[in-house]
Amino acid sequence: MQLTQPSTLAVATFAASVERLTSGKGRLLLAISGGPDSLAMLLLANAALPGGCHAATVDHGLRPEAASEAEFVAALCRDLGMRHQILHPERPITGSLQAEARAARYALLT
């Protein structure tokens, strides 16, 4: 997979938005799934706040390929010099998969 660095304008715009959201503290936790949108956010955040981001990937255990996707994100973060952790829910996801997975993800990221 070839990753393209974000434009200078995109980096400046993102950095200004983060500055407003964090009141100048500049620390950001990114929930990265490994899909194109979250990978774009990862590259943008890393360019806008070098050393100011941490990333986490939640492997809900719902798909066989999820573990390798999480490992891909971990390797990318290592290459970028960004801290990353793969998180796993303590109990299996049951009931409404989307609702339960979302609740587990938010609890883990908190």
C-alpha atoms as a PDB file:
ATOM      1  CA  MET A   1       0.000   0.000   0.000  1.00  0.00           C
ATOM      2  CA  GLN A   2       1.436   3.363  -1.019  1.00  0.00           C
ATOM      3  CA  LEU A   3       0.766   6.188   1.433  1.00  0.00           C
ATOM      4  CA  THR A   4       0.863   9.802   0.287  1.00  0.00           C
ATOM      5  CA  GLN A   5       1.814  12.613   2.633  1.00  0.00           C
ATOM      6  CA  PRO A   6      -0.887  15.270   3.156  1.00  0.00           C
ATOM      7  CA  SER A   7      -0.629  18.726   1.613  1.00  0.00           C
ATOM      8  CA  THR A   8       0.766  21.683   3.542  1.00  0.00           C
ATOM      9  CA  LEU A   9      -2.674  23.329   3.544  1.00  0.00           C
ATOM     10  CA  ALA A  10      -4.354  20.188   4.925  1.00  0.00           C
ATOM     11  CA  VAL A  11      -1.726  19.908   7.667  1.00  0.00           C
ATOM     12  CA  ALA A  12      -2.105  23.581   8.662  1.00  0.00           C
ATOM     13  CA  THR A  13      -5.907  23.351   8.702  1.00  0.00           C
ATOM     14  CA  PHE A  14      -5.853  20.168  10.780  1.00  0.00           C
ATOM     15  CA  ALA A  15      -3.295  21.614  13.211  1.00  0.00           C
ATOM     16  CA  ALA A  16      -5.436  24.739  13.709  1.00  0.00           C
ATOM     17  CA  SER A  17      -8.527  22.601  14.379  1.00  0.00           C
ATOM     18  CA  VAL A  18      -6.670  20.442  16.909  1.00  0.00           C
ATOM     19  CA  GLU A  19      -5.339  23.586  18.587  1.00  0.00           C
ATOM     20  CA  ARG A  20      -8.910  24.802  19.111  1.00  0.00           C
ATOM     21  CA  LEU A  21     -10.125  21.409  20.348  1.00  0.00           C
ATOM     22  CA  THR A  22      -7.265  20.784  22.763  1.00  0.00           C
ATOM     23  CA  SER A  23      -6.890  24.358  24.045  1.00  0.00           C
ATOM     24  CA  GLY A  24      -3.264  24.298  22.984  1.00  0.00           C
ATOM     25  CA  LYS A  25      -2.364  21.071  24.801  1.00  0.00           C
ATOM     26  CA  GLY A  26      -1.763  19.419  21.435  1.00  0.00           C
ATOM     27  CA  ARG A  27      -2.170  15.793  22.592  1.00  0.00           C
ATOM     28  CA  LEU A  28      -4.397  13.563  20.529  1.00  0.00           C
ATOM     29  CA  LEU A  29      -5.528   9.926  20.715  1.00  0.00           C
ATOM     30  CA  LEU A  30      -6.439   8.523  17.327  1.00  0.00           C
ATOM     31  CA  ALA A  31      -8.659   5.460  16.938  1.00  0.00           C
ATOM     32  CA  ILE A  32      -7.305   3.867  13.757  1.00  0.00           C
ATOM     33  CA  SER A  33      -9.116   0.965  12.125  1.00  0.00           C
ATOM     34  CA  GLY A  34      -6.740   0.497   9.214  1.00  0.00           C
ATOM     35  CA  GLY A  35      -9.243   1.668   6.599  1.00  0.00           C
ATOM     36  CA  PRO A  36      -8.392   4.459   4.148  1.00  0.00           C
ATOM     37  CA  ASP A  37     -10.152   7.221   6.114  1.00  0.00           C
ATOM     38  CA  SER A  38      -8.446   6.453   9.403  1.00  0.00           C
ATOM     39  CA  LEU A  39      -5.052   5.970   7.736  1.00  0.00           C
ATOM     40  CA  ALA A  40      -5.439   9.390   6.090  1.00  0.00           C
ATOM     41  CA  MET A  41      -6.256  10.866   9.503  1.00  0.00           C
ATOM     42  CA  LEU A  42      -3.211   9.140  10.996  1.00  0.00           C
ATOM     43  CA  LEU A  43      -0.850  10.618   8.397  1.00  0.00           C
ATOM     44  CA  LEU A  44      -2.463  14.043   8.686  1.00  0.00           C
ATOM     45  CA  ALA A  45      -2.296  14.069  12.488  1.00  0.00           C
ATOM     46  CA  ASN A  46       1.307  12.869  12.476  1.00  0.00           C
ATOM     47  CA  ALA A  47       2.304  15.653  10.076  1.00  0.00           C
ATOM     48  CA  ALA A  48       0.355  18.303  12.027  1.00  0.00           C
ATOM     49  CA  LEU A  49       1.456  17.221  15.524  1.00  0.00           C
ATOM     50  CA  PRO A  50       4.740  15.346  15.253  1.00  0.00           C
ATOM     51  CA  GLY A  51       5.229  13.505  18.526  1.00  0.00           C
ATOM     52  CA  GLY A  52       1.867  14.740  19.827  1.00  0.00           C
ATOM     53  CA  CYS A  53      -0.325  11.802  18.854  1.00  0.00           C
ATOM     54  CA  HIS A  54      -0.953   8.333  20.172  1.00  0.00           C
ATOM     55  CA  ALA A  55      -2.939   5.737  18.246  1.00  0.00           C
ATOM     56  CA  ALA A  56      -5.020   2.734  19.207  1.00  0.00           C
ATOM     57  CA  THR A  57      -6.675   0.031  17.173  1.00  0.00           C
ATOM     58  CA  VAL A  58      -9.532  -1.995  18.626  1.00  0.00           C
ATOM     59  CA  ASP A  59      -9.643  -5.605  17.444  1.00  0.00           C
ATOM     60  CA  HIS A  60     -13.174  -6.683  18.318  1.00  0.00           C
ATOM     61  CA  GLY A  61     -12.408 -10.247  17.194  1.00  0.00           C
ATOM     62  CA  LEU A  62     -15.317 -10.185  14.749  1.00  0.00           C
ATOM     63  CA  ARG A  63     -13.392 -10.842  11.524  1.00  0.00           C
ATOM     64  CA  PRO A  64     -10.424 -13.155  10.912  1.00  0.00           C
ATOM     65  CA  GLU A  65      -8.493 -10.421   9.068  1.00  0.00           C
ATOM     66  CA  ALA A  66      -8.891  -7.845  11.869  1.00  0.00           C
ATOM     67  CA  ALA A  67      -5.755  -8.985  13.684  1.00  0.00           C
ATOM     68  CA  SER A  68      -3.554  -8.512  10.616  1.00  0.00           C
ATOM     69  CA  GLU A  69      -5.149  -5.102   9.947  1.00  0.00           C
ATOM     70  CA  ALA A  70      -4.340  -4.047  13.523  1.00  0.00           C
ATOM     71  CA  GLU A  71      -0.761  -5.296  13.111  1.00  0.00           C
ATOM     72  CA  PHE A  72      -0.462  -3.284   9.877  1.00  0.00           C
ATOM     73  CA  VAL A  73      -1.498  -0.131  11.756  1.00  0.00           C
ATOM     74  CA  ALA A  74       0.949  -0.958  14.567  1.00  0.00           C
ATOM     75  CA  ALA A  75       3.798  -1.340  12.052  1.00  0.00           C
ATOM     76  CA  LEU A  76       2.897   1.941  10.337  1.00  0.00           C
ATOM     77  CA  CYS A  77       2.829   3.733  13.686  1.00  0.00           C
ATOM     78  CA  ARG A  78       6.218   2.238  14.565  1.00  0.00           C
ATOM     79  CA  ASP A  79       7.590   3.540  11.253  1.00  0.00           C
ATOM     80  CA  LEU A  80       6.173   6.995  12.056  1.00  0.00           C
ATOM     81  CA  GLY A  81       7.576   6.928  15.603  1.00  0.00           C
ATOM     82  CA  MET A  82       4.057   7.084  17.063  1.00  0.00           C
ATOM     83  CA  ARG A  83       2.936   5.146  20.130  1.00  0.00           C
ATOM     84  CA  HIS A  84       0.254   2.583  19.294  1.00  0.00           C
ATOM     85  CA  GLN A  85      -1.648  -0.057  21.183  1.00  0.00           C
ATOM     86  CA  ILE A  86      -3.938  -2.843  19.980  1.00  0.00           C
ATOM     87  CA  LEU A  87      -6.914  -3.176  22.322  1.00  0.00           C
ATOM     88  CA  HIS A  88      -9.212  -6.192  22.754  1.00  0.00           C
ATOM     89  CA  PRO A  89     -12.614  -6.244  24.504  1.00  0.00           C
ATOM     90  CA  GLU A  90     -12.643  -8.309  27.696  1.00  0.00           C
ATOM     91  CA  ARG A  91     -15.787 -10.173  26.661  1.00  0.00           C
ATOM     92  CA  PRO A  92     -17.128 -11.328  23.301  1.00  0.00           C
ATOM     93  CA  ILE A  93     -19.375  -8.953  21.368  1.00  0.00           C
ATOM     94  CA  THR A  94     -23.009 -10.158  21.490  1.00  0.00           C
ATOM     95  CA  GLY A  95     -26.424  -8.761  20.557  1.00  0.00           C
ATOM     96  CA  SER A  96     -26.347  -5.895  18.090  1.00  0.00           C
ATOM     97  CA  LEU A  97     -22.807  -6.222  16.776  1.00  0.00           C
ATOM     98  CA  GLN A  98     -22.490  -2.584  15.734  1.00  0.00           C
ATOM     99  CA  ALA A  99     -23.851  -1.185  18.999  1.00  0.00           C
ATOM    100  CA  GLU A 100     -21.857  -3.579  21.188  1.00  0.00           C
ATOM    101  CA  ALA A 101     -18.663  -3.062  19.185  1.00  0.00           C
ATOM    102  CA  ARG A 102     -19.060   0.719  19.432  1.00  0.00           C
ATOM    103  CA  ALA A 103     -19.657   0.544  23.190  1.00  0.00           C
ATOM    104  CA  ALA A 104     -16.630  -1.727  23.667  1.00  0.00           C
ATOM    105  CA  ARG A 105     -14.455   0.531  21.498  1.00  0.00           C
ATOM    106  CA  TYR A 106     -15.414   3.678  23.423  1.00  0.00           C
ATOM    107  CA  ALA A 107     -14.832   1.954  26.767  1.00  0.00           C
ATOM    108  CA  LEU A 108     -11.403   0.720  25.680  1.00  0.00           C
ATOM    109  CA  LEU A 109     -10.347   4.103  24.290  1.00  0.00           C
ATOM    110  CA  THR A 110     -11.468   5.900  27.447  1.00  0.00           C
END
